[in-house]
PDB file of N, CA and C in Angstrom:
ATOM      1  N   MET A   1     286.468 257.903 200.243  1.00  0.00           N
ATOM      2  CA  MET A   1     287.791 258.043 199.705  1.00  0.00           C
ATOM      3  C   MET A   1     287.998 257.050 198.651  1.00  0.00           C
ATOM      4  N   LYS A   2     288.931 257.425 197.766  1.00  0.00           N
ATOM      5  CA  LYS A   2     289.260 256.475 196.657  1.00  0.00           C
ATOM      6  C   LYS A   2     290.754 256.391 196.534  1.00  0.00           C
ATOM      7  N   LEU A   3     291.221 255.250 195.917  1.00  0.00           N
ATOM      8  CA  LEU A   3     292.614 255.014 195.647  1.00  0.00           C
ATOM      9  C   LEU A   3     292.761 255.021 194.117  1.00  0.00           C
ATOM     10  N   LEU A   4     293.604 255.982 193.633  1.00  0.00           N
ATOM     11  CA  LEU A   4     294.002 255.917 192.235  1.00  0.00           C
ATOM     12  C   LEU A   4     295.323 255.160 192.148  1.00  0.00           C
ATOM     13  N   LYS A   5     295.347 254.073 191.452  1.00  0.00           N
ATOM     14  CA  LYS A   5     296.574 253.315 191.306  1.00  0.00           C
ATOM     15  C   LYS A   5     296.853 253.198 189.807  1.00  0.00           C
ATOM     16  N   ALA A   6     297.994 253.878 189.395  1.00  0.00           N
ATOM     17  CA  ALA A   6     298.352 253.967 187.978  1.00  0.00           C
ATOM     18  C   ALA A   6     299.662 253.265 187.755  1.00  0.00           C
ATOM     19  N   PHE A   7     299.751 252.685 186.572  1.00  0.00           N
ATOM     20  CA  PHE A   7     301.025 252.060 186.111  1.00  0.00           C
ATOM     21  C   PHE A   7     301.408 252.847 184.853  1.00  0.00           C
ATOM     22  N   ILE A   8     302.501 253.588 184.928  1.00  0.00           N
ATOM     23  CA  ILE A   8     302.865 254.504 183.843  1.00  0.00           C
ATOM     24  C   ILE A   8     304.297 254.250 183.394  1.00  0.00           C
ATOM     25  N   ARG A   9     304.638 254.908 182.277  1.00  0.00           N
ATOM     26  CA  ARG A   9     306.025 254.905 181.768  1.00  0.00           C
ATOM     27  C   ARG A   9     306.929 255.555 182.793  1.00  0.00           C
ATOM     28  N   MET A  10     308.135 255.017 182.962  1.00  0.00           N
ATOM     29  CA  MET A  10     309.141 255.639 183.834  1.00  0.00           C
ATOM     30  C   MET A  10     309.479 257.052 183.405  1.00  0.00           C
ATOM     31  N   SER A  11     309.512 257.227 182.063  1.00  0.00           N
ATOM     32  CA  SER A  11     309.910 258.507 181.508  1.00  0.00           C
ATOM     33  C   SER A  11     308.913 259.637 181.771  1.00  0.00           C
ATOM     34  N   ARG A  12     307.727 259.274 182.289  1.00  0.00           N
ATOM     35  CA  ARG A  12     306.705 260.331 182.612  1.00  0.00           C
ATOM     36  C   ARG A  12     306.591 260.621 184.079  1.00  0.00           C
ATOM     37  N   ALA A  13     307.521 260.046 184.876  1.00  0.00           N
ATOM     38  CA  ALA A  13     307.471 260.176 186.339  1.00  0.00           C
ATOM     39  C   ALA A  13     307.410 261.630 186.795  1.00  0.00           C
ATOM     40  N   ASP A  14     308.396 262.422 186.368  1.00  0.00           N
ATOM     41  CA  ASP A  14     308.503 263.804 186.858  1.00  0.00           C
ATOM     42  C   ASP A  14     307.246 264.645 186.461  1.00  0.00           C
ATOM     43  N   GLN A  15     306.789 264.437 185.216  1.00  0.00           N
ATOM     44  CA  GLN A  15     305.599 265.209 184.769  1.00  0.00           C
ATOM     45  C   GLN A  15     304.367 264.837 185.603  1.00  0.00           C
ATOM     46  N   VAL A  16     304.237 263.550 185.855  1.00  0.00           N
ATOM     47  CA  VAL A  16     303.012 263.086 186.600  1.00  0.00           C
ATOM     48  C   VAL A  16     303.033 263.576 188.071  1.00  0.00           C
ATOM     49  N   VAL A  17     304.202 263.451 188.691  1.00  0.00           N
ATOM     50  CA  VAL A  17     304.280 263.868 190.122  1.00  0.00           C
ATOM     51  C   VAL A  17     304.076 265.393 190.232  1.00  0.00           C
ATOM     52  N   ARG A  18     304.712 266.205 189.335  1.00  0.00           N
ATOM     53  CA  ARG A  18     304.518 267.647 189.370  1.00  0.00           C
ATOM     54  C   ARG A  18     303.066 267.998 189.129  1.00  0.00           C
ATOM     55  N   ALA A  19     302.434 267.360 188.134  1.00  0.00           N
ATOM     56  CA  ALA A  19     301.012 267.650 187.817  1.00  0.00           C
ATOM     57  C   ALA A  19     300.114 267.300 188.985  1.00  0.00           C
ATOM     58  N   LEU A  20     300.376 266.159 189.602  1.00  0.00           N
ATOM     59  CA  LEU A  20     299.497 265.786 190.753  1.00  0.00           C
ATOM     60  C   LEU A  20     299.705 266.768 191.897  1.00  0.00           C
ATOM     61  N   GLU A  21     300.930 267.091 192.182  1.00  0.00           N
ATOM     62  CA  GLU A  21     301.152 268.125 193.263  1.00  0.00           C
ATOM     63  C   GLU A  21     300.464 269.434 192.963  1.00  0.00           C
ATOM     64  N   ASP A  22     300.658 269.879 191.682  1.00  0.00           N
ATOM     65  CA  ASP A  22     300.004 271.145 191.292  1.00  0.00           C
ATOM     66  C   ASP A  22     298.508 271.045 191.309  1.00  0.00           C
ATOM     67  N   GLY A  23     297.991 269.829 191.109  1.00  0.00           N
ATOM     68  CA  GLY A  23     296.545 269.599 191.046  1.00  0.00           C
ATOM     69  C   GLY A  23     295.952 269.407 192.391  1.00  0.00           C
ATOM     70  N   GLY A  24     296.723 269.446 193.476  1.00  0.00           N
ATOM     71  CA  GLY A  24     296.151 269.335 194.776  1.00  0.00           C
ATOM     72  C   GLY A  24     296.079 267.913 195.381  1.00  0.00           C
ATOM     73  N   ALA A  25     296.821 266.968 194.816  1.00  0.00           N
ATOM     74  CA  ALA A  25     296.878 265.604 195.431  1.00  0.00           C
ATOM     75  C   ALA A  25     297.428 265.732 196.843  1.00  0.00           C
ATOM     76  N   PRO A  26     296.755 265.049 197.802  1.00  0.00           N
ATOM     77  CA  PRO A  26     297.159 265.135 199.183  1.00  0.00           C
ATOM     78  C   PRO A  26     298.507 264.416 199.450  1.00  0.00           C
ATOM     79  N   GLY A  27     298.915 263.564 198.558  1.00  0.00           N
ATOM     80  CA  GLY A  27     300.131 262.765 198.705  1.00  0.00           C
ATOM     81  C   GLY A  27     300.256 261.844 197.497  1.00  0.00           C
ATOM     82  N   VAL A  28     301.513 261.448 197.210  1.00  0.00           N
ATOM     83  CA  VAL A  28     301.741 260.529 196.102  1.00  0.00           C
ATOM     84  C   VAL A  28     302.708 259.509 196.571  1.00  0.00           C
ATOM     85  N   THR A  29     302.421 258.226 196.306  1.00  0.00           N
ATOM     86  CA  THR A  29     303.367 257.139 196.559  1.00  0.00           C
ATOM     87  C   THR A  29     303.847 256.578 195.259  1.00  0.00           C
ATOM     88  N   LEU A  30     305.137 256.407 195.150  1.00  0.00           N
ATOM     89  CA  LEU A  30     305.783 255.898 193.883  1.00  0.00           C
ATOM     90  C   LEU A  30     306.489 254.581 194.196  1.00  0.00           C
ATOM     91  N   SER A  31     306.301 253.632 193.296  1.00  0.00           N
ATOM     92  CA  SER A  31     307.002 252.351 193.401  1.00  0.00           C
ATOM     93  C   SER A  31     307.559 251.979 192.024  1.00  0.00           C
ATOM     94  N   HIS A  32     308.771 251.558 191.985  1.00  0.00           N
ATOM     95  CA  HIS A  32     309.401 251.056 190.737  1.00  0.00           C
ATOM     96  C   HIS A  32     309.100 249.604 190.638  1.00  0.00           C
ATOM     97  N   VAL A  33     308.404 249.250 189.595  1.00  0.00           N
ATOM     98  CA  VAL A  33     307.955 247.823 189.386  1.00  0.00           C
ATOM     99  C   VAL A  33     308.240 247.299 188.020  1.00  0.00           C
ATOM    100  N   HIS A  34     308.094 246.063 187.823  1.00  0.00           N
ATOM    101  CA  HIS A  34     308.181 245.441 186.486  1.00  0.00           C
ATOM    102  C   HIS A  34     306.770 244.928 186.135  1.00  0.00           C
ATOM    103  N   GLY A  35     306.381 244.986 184.870  1.00  0.00           N
ATOM    104  CA  GLY A  35     305.095 244.500 184.516  1.00  0.00           C
ATOM    105  C   GLY A  35     305.003 244.197 183.049  1.00  0.00           C
ATOM    106  N   ILE A  36     303.949 243.511 182.695  1.00  0.00           N
ATOM    107  CA  ILE A  36     303.578 243.208 181.346  1.00  0.00           C
ATOM    108  C   ILE A  36     302.168 243.585 181.151  1.00  0.00           C
ATOM    109  N   GLY A  37     301.827 244.069 179.991  1.00  0.00           N
ATOM    110  CA  GLY A  37     300.469 244.531 179.733  1.00  0.00           C
ATOM    111  C   GLY A  37     299.613 243.424 179.146  1.00  0.00           C
ATOM    112  N   TYR A  38     298.375 243.815 178.894  1.00  0.00           N
ATOM    113  CA  TYR A  38     297.437 242.901 178.223  1.00  0.00           C
ATOM    114  C   TYR A  38     297.961 242.593 176.867  1.00  0.00           C
ATOM    115  N   GLY A  39     297.703 241.380 176.361  1.00  0.00           N
ATOM    116  CA  GLY A  39     298.098 241.068 174.988  1.00  0.00           C
ATOM    117  C   GLY A  39     299.486 240.519 174.846  1.00  0.00           C
ATOM    118  N   TYR A  40     300.237 240.240 175.979  1.00  0.00           N
ATOM    119  CA  TYR A  40     301.530 239.729 175.854  1.00  0.00           C
ATOM    120  C   TYR A  40     301.516 238.258 175.372  1.00  0.00           C
ATOM    121  N   ASP A  41     302.598 237.823 174.727  1.00  0.00           N
ATOM    122  CA  ASP A  41     302.604 236.456 174.194  1.00  0.00           C
ATOM    123  C   ASP A  41     303.279 235.548 175.202  1.00  0.00           C
ATOM    124  N   PRO A  42     302.430 234.649 175.792  1.00  0.00           N
ATOM    125  CA  PRO A  42     303.007 233.730 176.842  1.00  0.00           C
ATOM    126  C   PRO A  42     304.007 232.779 176.304  1.00  0.00           C
ATOM    127  N   LEU A  43     304.149 232.643 174.971  1.00  0.00           N
ATOM    128  CA  LEU A  43     305.138 231.758 174.414  1.00  0.00           C
ATOM    129  C   LEU A  43     306.523 232.389 174.411  1.00  0.00           C
ATOM    130  N   THR A  44     306.568 233.758 174.395  1.00  0.00           N
ATOM    131  CA  THR A  44     307.837 234.440 174.390  1.00  0.00           C
ATOM    132  C   THR A  44     308.192 235.046 175.762  1.00  0.00           C
ATOM    133  N   PHE A  45     307.209 235.068 176.640  1.00  0.00           N
ATOM    134  CA  PHE A  45     307.518 235.618 177.976  1.00  0.00           C
ATOM    135  C   PHE A  45     306.891 234.735 179.040  1.00  0.00           C
ATOM    136  N   THR A  46     307.646 234.418 180.059  1.00  0.00           N
ATOM    137  CA  THR A  46     307.156 233.636 181.148  1.00  0.00           C
ATOM    138  C   THR A  46     307.239 234.440 182.404  1.00  0.00           C
ATOM    139  N   LEU A  47     306.394 234.132 183.358  1.00  0.00           N
ATOM    140  CA  LEU A  47     306.444 234.821 184.631  1.00  0.00           C
ATOM    141  C   LEU A  47     307.326 234.164 185.650  1.00  0.00           C
ATOM    142  N   ALA A  48     308.199 233.334 185.202  1.00  0.00           N
ATOM    143  CA  ALA A  48     309.179 232.657 186.126  1.00  0.00           C
ATOM    144  C   ALA A  48     309.962 233.735 186.799  1.00  0.00           C
ATOM    145  N   PRO A  49     310.303 233.528 188.124  1.00  0.00           N
ATOM    146  CA  PRO A  49     311.125 234.532 188.851  1.00  0.00           C
ATOM    147  C   PRO A  49     312.402 234.964 188.201  1.00  0.00           C
ATOM    148  N   ASN A  50     313.123 234.042 187.615  1.00  0.00           N
ATOM    149  CA  ASN A  50     314.404 234.415 186.952  1.00  0.00           C
ATOM    150  C   ASN A  50     314.190 235.209 185.663  1.00  0.00           C
ATOM    151  N   GLU A  51     312.943 235.359 185.180  1.00  0.00           N
ATOM    152  CA  GLU A  51     312.678 236.070 183.985  1.00  0.00           C
ATOM    153  C   GLU A  51     312.088 237.495 184.233  1.00  0.00           C
ATOM    154  N   VAL A  52     311.775 237.770 185.488  1.00  0.00           N
ATOM    155  CA  VAL A  52     311.073 239.003 185.778  1.00  0.00           C
ATOM    156  C   VAL A  52     311.782 240.237 185.331  1.00  0.00           C
ATOM    157  N   ASN A  53     313.086 240.239 185.290  1.00  0.00           N
ATOM    158  CA  ASN A  53     313.841 241.435 184.837  1.00  0.00           C
ATOM    159  C   ASN A  53     313.652 241.712 183.356  1.00  0.00           C
ATOM    160  N   ARG A  54     313.084 240.718 182.587  1.00  0.00           N
ATOM    161  CA  ARG A  54     312.778 240.981 181.208  1.00  0.00           C
ATOM    162  C   ARG A  54     311.491 241.811 181.037  1.00  0.00           C
ATOM    163  N   ALA A  55     310.695 241.829 182.106  1.00  0.00           N
ATOM    164  CA  ALA A  55     309.437 242.613 182.056  1.00  0.00           C
ATOM    165  C   ALA A  55     309.813 244.097 182.023  1.00  0.00           C
ATOM    166  N   ILE A  56     308.927 244.867 181.469  1.00  0.00           N
ATOM    167  CA  ILE A  56     309.161 246.312 181.292  1.00  0.00           C
ATOM    168  C   ILE A  56     309.170 246.966 182.667  1.00  0.00           C
ATOM    169  N   GLU A  57     310.076 247.915 182.844  1.00  0.00           N
ATOM    170  CA  GLU A  57     310.104 248.705 184.077  1.00  0.00           C
ATOM    171  C   GLU A  57     309.041 249.795 183.995  1.00  0.00           C
ATOM    172  N   VAL A  58     308.226 249.898 184.955  1.00  0.00           N
ATOM    173  CA  VAL A  58     307.126 250.875 184.977  1.00  0.00           C
ATOM    174  C   VAL A  58     307.123 251.486 186.376  1.00  0.00           C
ATOM    175  N   LEU A  59     306.384 252.616 186.493  1.00  0.00           N
ATOM    176  CA  LEU A  59     306.258 253.301 187.753  1.00  0.00           C
ATOM    177  C   LEU A  59     304.811 253.118 188.245  1.00  0.00           C
ATOM    178  N   LYS A  60     304.635 252.627 189.456  1.00  0.00           N
ATOM    179  CA  LYS A  60     303.350 252.587 190.084  1.00  0.00           C
ATOM    180  C   LYS A  60     303.116 253.805 190.882  1.00  0.00           C
ATOM    181  N   VAL A  61     302.078 254.572 190.562  1.00  0.00           N
ATOM    182  CA  VAL A  61     301.743 255.798 191.298  1.00  0.00           C
ATOM    183  C   VAL A  61     300.400 255.557 191.988  1.00  0.00           C
ATOM    184  N   GLU A  62     300.426 255.940 193.255  1.00  0.00           N
ATOM    185  CA  GLU A  62     299.239 255.707 194.090  1.00  0.00           C
ATOM    186  C   GLU A  62     298.891 257.040 194.752  1.00  0.00           C
ATOM    187  N   VAL A  63     297.621 257.368 194.724  1.00  0.00           N
ATOM    188  CA  VAL A  63     297.097 258.608 195.361  1.00  0.00           C
ATOM    189  C   VAL A  63     295.796 258.223 196.063  1.00  0.00           C
ATOM    190  N   VAL A  64     295.668 258.489 197.315  1.00  0.00           N
ATOM    191  CA  VAL A  64     294.369 258.360 198.023  1.00  0.00           C
ATOM    192  C   VAL A  64     293.779 259.723 198.156  1.00  0.00           C
ATOM    193  N   CYS A  65     292.534 259.864 197.746  1.00  0.00           N
ATOM    194  CA  CYS A  65     291.957 261.200 197.685  1.00  0.00           C
ATOM    195  C   CYS A  65     290.463 261.167 198.064  1.00  0.00           C
ATOM    196  N   ARG A  66     289.923 262.353 198.296  1.00  0.00           N
ATOM    197  CA  ARG A  66     288.481 262.470 198.574  1.00  0.00           C
ATOM    198  C   ARG A  66     287.711 262.094 197.315  1.00  0.00           C
ATOM    199  N   ASP A  67     286.511 261.559 197.494  1.00  0.00           N
ATOM    200  CA  ASP A  67     285.670 261.235 196.317  1.00  0.00           C
ATOM    201  C   ASP A  67     285.446 262.393 195.393  1.00  0.00           C
ATOM    202  N   ALA A  68     285.350 263.592 196.003  1.00  0.00           N
ATOM    203  CA  ALA A  68     285.071 264.810 195.176  1.00  0.00           C
ATOM    204  C   ALA A  68     286.260 265.142 194.308  1.00  0.00           C
ATOM    205  N   ASP A  69     287.446 264.692 194.631  1.00  0.00           N
ATOM    206  CA  ASP A  69     288.633 265.020 193.845  1.00  0.00           C
ATOM    207  C   ASP A  69     289.070 264.038 192.812  1.00  0.00           C
ATOM    208  N   VAL A  70     288.343 262.854 192.754  1.00  0.00           N
ATOM    209  CA  VAL A  70     288.726 261.816 191.825  1.00  0.00           C
ATOM    210  C   VAL A  70     288.788 262.209 190.403  1.00  0.00           C
ATOM    211  N   ARG A  71     287.718 262.778 189.897  1.00  0.00           N
ATOM    212  CA  ARG A  71     287.676 263.117 188.454  1.00  0.00           C
ATOM    213  C   ARG A  71     288.774 264.072 188.082  1.00  0.00           C
ATOM    214  N   ARG A  72     289.037 265.096 188.900  1.00  0.00           N
ATOM    215  CA  ARG A  72     290.044 266.054 188.619  1.00  0.00           C
ATOM    216  C   ARG A  72     291.430 265.429 188.634  1.00  0.00           C
ATOM    217  N   LEU A  73     291.753 264.646 189.666  1.00  0.00           N
ATOM    218  CA  LEU A  73     293.085 264.069 189.787  1.00  0.00           C
ATOM    219  C   LEU A  73     293.241 262.961 188.759  1.00  0.00           C
ATOM    220  N   LEU A  74     292.235 262.248 188.413  1.00  0.00           N
ATOM    221  CA  LEU A  74     292.333 261.181 187.338  1.00  0.00           C
ATOM    222  C   LEU A  74     292.650 261.901 186.013  1.00  0.00           C
ATOM    223  N   ALA A  75     291.967 262.973 185.700  1.00  0.00           N
ATOM    224  CA  ALA A  75     292.234 263.708 184.449  1.00  0.00           C
ATOM    225  C   ALA A  75     293.646 264.246 184.399  1.00  0.00           C
ATOM    226  N   THR A  76     294.089 264.780 185.551  1.00  0.00           N
ATOM    227  CA  THR A  76     295.406 265.351 185.705  1.00  0.00           C
ATOM    228  C   THR A  76     296.494 264.269 185.424  1.00  0.00           C
ATOM    229  N   LEU A  77     296.234 263.112 186.078  1.00  0.00           N
ATOM    230  CA  LEU A  77     297.205 262.042 185.928  1.00  0.00           C
ATOM    231  C   LEU A  77     297.218 261.536 184.522  1.00  0.00           C
ATOM    232  N   GLN A  78     296.086 261.354 183.905  1.00  0.00           N
ATOM    233  CA  GLN A  78     296.033 260.867 182.538  1.00  0.00           C
ATOM    234  C   GLN A  78     296.720 261.835 181.566  1.00  0.00           C
ATOM    235  N   GLN A  79     296.456 263.087 181.723  1.00  0.00           N
ATOM    236  CA  GLN A  79     297.047 264.068 180.836  1.00  0.00           C
ATOM    237  C   GLN A  79     298.589 264.107 180.977  1.00  0.00           C
ATOM    238  N   ALA A  80     299.057 264.052 182.148  1.00  0.00           N
ATOM    239  CA  ALA A  80     300.536 264.085 182.399  1.00  0.00           C
ATOM    240  C   ALA A  80     301.233 262.822 181.945  1.00  0.00           C
ATOM    241  N   ALA A  81     300.558 261.674 182.020  1.00  0.00           N
ATOM    242  CA  ALA A  81     301.195 260.384 181.696  1.00  0.00           C
ATOM    243  C   ALA A  81     301.113 260.071 180.215  1.00  0.00           C
ATOM    244  N   ARG A  82     300.196 260.685 179.506  1.00  0.00           N
ATOM    245  CA  ARG A  82     299.903 260.307 178.104  1.00  0.00           C
ATOM    246  C   ARG A  82     300.999 260.766 177.197  1.00  0.00           C
ATOM    247  N   THR A  83     301.492 259.807 176.318  1.00  0.00           N
ATOM    248  CA  THR A  83     302.382 260.136 175.237  1.00  0.00           C
ATOM    249  C   THR A  83     301.684 259.985 173.927  1.00  0.00           C
ATOM    250  N   GLY A  84     300.580 259.290 173.887  1.00  0.00           N
ATOM    251  CA  GLY A  84     299.810 259.014 172.665  1.00  0.00           C
ATOM    252  C   GLY A  84     300.225 257.720 172.011  1.00  0.00           C
ATOM    253  N   SER A  85     301.144 256.964 172.659  1.00  0.00           N
ATOM    254  CA  SER A  85     301.598 255.701 172.123  1.00  0.00           C
ATOM    255  C   SER A  85     301.076 254.517 172.937  1.00  0.00           C
ATOM    256  N   GLU A  86     300.962 253.388 172.267  1.00  0.00           N
ATOM    257  CA  GLU A  86     300.583 252.203 172.989  1.00  0.00           C
ATOM    258  C   GLU A  86     301.477 251.939 174.174  1.00  0.00           C
ATOM    259  N   GLY A  87     300.948 251.529 175.307  1.00  0.00           N
ATOM    260  CA  GLY A  87     301.738 251.253 176.477  1.00  0.00           C
ATOM    261  C   GLY A  87     301.872 252.413 177.417  1.00  0.00           C
ATOM    262  N   ASP A  88     301.020 253.448 177.232  1.00  0.00           N
ATOM    263  CA  ASP A  88     301.060 254.595 178.198  1.00  0.00           C
ATOM    264  C   ASP A  88     300.673 254.230 179.532  1.00  0.00           C
ATOM    265  N   GLY A  89     299.937 253.162 179.746  1.00  0.00           N
ATOM    266  CA  GLY A  89     299.630 252.719 181.123  1.00  0.00           C
ATOM    267  C   GLY A  89     298.168 252.560 181.348  1.00  0.00           C
ATOM    268  N   ILE A  90     297.817 252.393 182.636  1.00  0.00           N
ATOM    269  CA  ILE A  90     296.464 252.156 183.054  1.00  0.00           C
ATOM    270  C   ILE A  90     296.289 252.707 184.465  1.00  0.00           C
ATOM    271  N   VAL A  91     295.076 253.144 184.775  1.00  0.00           N
ATOM    272  CA  VAL A  91     294.733 253.647 186.089  1.00  0.00           C
ATOM    273  C   VAL A  91     293.554 252.843 186.611  1.00  0.00           C
ATOM    274  N   PHE A  92     293.669 252.393 187.852  1.00  0.00           N
ATOM    275  CA  PHE A  92     292.591 251.666 188.567  1.00  0.00           C
ATOM    276  C   PHE A  92     292.054 252.645 189.655  1.00  0.00           C
ATOM    277  N   VAL A  93     290.742 252.762 189.755  1.00  0.00           N
ATOM    278  CA  VAL A  93     290.129 253.594 190.818  1.00  0.00           C
ATOM    279  C   VAL A  93     289.341 252.617 191.673  1.00  0.00           C
ATOM    280  N   THR A  94     289.693 252.522 192.959  1.00  0.00           N
ATOM    281  CA  THR A  94     289.031 251.658 193.867  1.00  0.00           C
ATOM    282  C   THR A  94     288.604 252.423 195.131  1.00  0.00           C
ATOM    283  N   PRO A  95     287.549 251.937 195.809  1.00  0.00           N
ATOM    284  CA  PRO A  95     287.156 252.516 197.118  1.00  0.00           C
ATOM    285  C   PRO A  95     288.149 252.197 198.227  1.00  0.00           C
ATOM    286  N   VAL A  96     288.327 253.130 199.116  1.00  0.00           N
ATOM    287  CA  VAL A  96     289.108 252.959 200.292  1.00  0.00           C
ATOM    288  C   VAL A  96     288.120 252.867 201.475  1.00  0.00           C
ATOM    289  N   GLU A  97     287.978 251.717 202.053  1.00  0.00           N
ATOM    290  CA  GLU A  97     287.001 251.521 203.144  1.00  0.00           C
ATOM    291  C   GLU A  97     287.437 252.069 204.479  1.00  0.00           C
ATOM    292  N   GLN A  98     288.746 251.946 204.723  1.00  0.00           N
ATOM    293  CA  GLN A  98     289.196 252.404 206.021  1.00  0.00           C
ATOM    294  C   GLN A  98     290.697 252.846 205.886  1.00  0.00           C
ATOM    295  N   ALA A  99     291.058 253.879 206.635  1.00  0.00           N
ATOM    296  CA  ALA A  99     292.418 254.379 206.712  1.00  0.00           C
ATOM    297  C   ALA A  99     292.697 254.799 208.138  1.00  0.00           C
ATOM    298  N   ILE A 100     293.681 254.146 208.769  1.00  0.00           N
ATOM    299  CA  ILE A 100     293.984 254.427 210.140  1.00  0.00           C
ATOM    300  C   ILE A 100     295.426 254.919 210.244  1.00  0.00           C
ATOM    301  N   ARG A 101     295.631 256.069 210.940  1.00  0.00           N
ATOM    302  CA  ARG A 101     297.002 256.549 211.100  1.00  0.00           C
ATOM    303  C   ARG A 101     297.658 255.621 212.180  1.00  0.00           C
ATOM    304  N   ILE A 102     298.800 255.128 211.846  1.00  0.00           N
ATOM    305  CA  ILE A 102     299.534 254.193 212.739  1.00  0.00           C
ATOM    306  C   ILE A 102     299.947 254.907 214.046  1.00  0.00           C
ATOM    307  N   ARG A 103     300.448 256.138 214.000  1.00  0.00           N
ATOM    308  CA  ARG A 103     300.903 256.808 215.200  1.00  0.00           C
ATOM    309  C   ARG A 103     299.777 257.060 216.186  1.00  0.00           C
ATOM    310  N   THR A 104     298.620 257.537 215.702  1.00  0.00           N
ATOM    311  CA  THR A 104     297.579 258.029 216.599  1.00  0.00           C
ATOM    312  C   THR A 104     296.333 257.050 216.656  1.00  0.00           C
ATOM    313  N   GLY A 105     296.229 256.162 215.711  1.00  0.00           N
ATOM    314  CA  GLY A 105     295.083 255.324 215.683  1.00  0.00           C
ATOM    315  C   GLY A 105     293.831 256.032 215.172  1.00  0.00           C
ATOM    316  N   GLU A 106     293.999 257.250 214.697  1.00  0.00           N
ATOM    317  CA  GLU A 106     292.905 258.059 214.171  1.00  0.00           C
ATOM    318  C   GLU A 106     292.419 257.499 212.879  1.00  0.00           C
ATOM    319  N   ASP A 107     291.094 257.491 212.763  1.00  0.00           N
ATOM    320  CA  ASP A 107     290.461 257.097 211.482  1.00  0.00           C
ATOM    321  C   ASP A 107     290.499 258.253 210.525  1.00  0.00           C
ATOM    322  N   CYS A 108     291.262 258.173 209.502  1.00  0.00           N
ATOM    323  CA  CYS A 108     291.468 259.202 208.556  1.00  0.00           C
ATOM    324  C   CYS A 108     290.181 259.539 207.747  1.00  0.00           C
ATOM    325  N   ILE A 109     289.419 258.548 207.461  1.00  0.00           N
ATOM    326  CA  ILE A 109     288.158 258.742 206.668  1.00  0.00           C
ATOM    327  C   ILE A 109     287.149 259.496 207.505  1.00  0.00           C
ATOM    328  N   GLU A 110     287.033 259.110 208.799  1.00  0.00           N
ATOM    329  CA  GLU A 110     286.067 259.825 209.652  1.00  0.00           C
ATOM    330  C   GLU A 110     286.536 261.324 209.819  1.00  0.00           C
ATOM    331  N   THR A 111     287.815 261.540 209.937  1.00  0.00           N
ATOM    332  CA  THR A 111     288.351 262.864 210.053  1.00  0.00           C
ATOM    333  C   THR A 111     288.038 263.667 208.788  1.00  0.00           C
ATOM    334  N   GLU A 112     288.231 263.081 207.594  1.00  0.00           N
ATOM    335  CA  GLU A 112     287.930 263.729 206.367  1.00  0.00           C
ATOM    336  C   GLU A 112     286.444 264.109 206.198  1.00  0.00           C
ATOM    337  N   ASN A 113     285.586 263.185 206.608  1.00  0.00           N
ATOM    338  CA  ASN A 113     284.168 263.371 206.425  1.00  0.00           C
ATOM    339  C   ASN A 113     283.508 264.278 207.442  1.00  0.00           C
ATOM    340  N   HIS A 114     284.130 264.361 208.618  1.00  0.00           N
ATOM    341  CA  HIS A 114     283.513 265.174 209.665  1.00  0.00           C
ATOM    342  C   HIS A 114     284.303 266.227 210.291  1.00  0.00           C
ATOM    343  N   GLY A 115     285.343 266.713 209.521  1.00  0.00           N
ATOM    344  CA  GLY A 115     286.048 267.824 210.059  1.00  0.00           C
ATOM    345  C   GLY A 115     287.507 267.644 209.937  1.00  0.00           C
TER     346      GLY A 115
END
């Protein structure tokens, strides 16, 4: 399994969620966050707690999916989030080593791989 973690423009939220749902994403988690991208000027922006609201509001989108679905969902996410302008965002793809359902204790990865 893999985790797709994207940081996108807030204005693209509806398009991205709809596209991922239509593309067969098993679930989507959304978080409203503040962030700064690469290339920021540390002289004009500080990461001090009282300054965090000056950081750009972005949406963090997380999808855990089967390895076989990564390329398709990644392309879907990129296409829906893209405006063509600098600051469209970034997607990280990382392995998911273990996933356990809290209610049942069931190993979700074992279930996915074996039935």
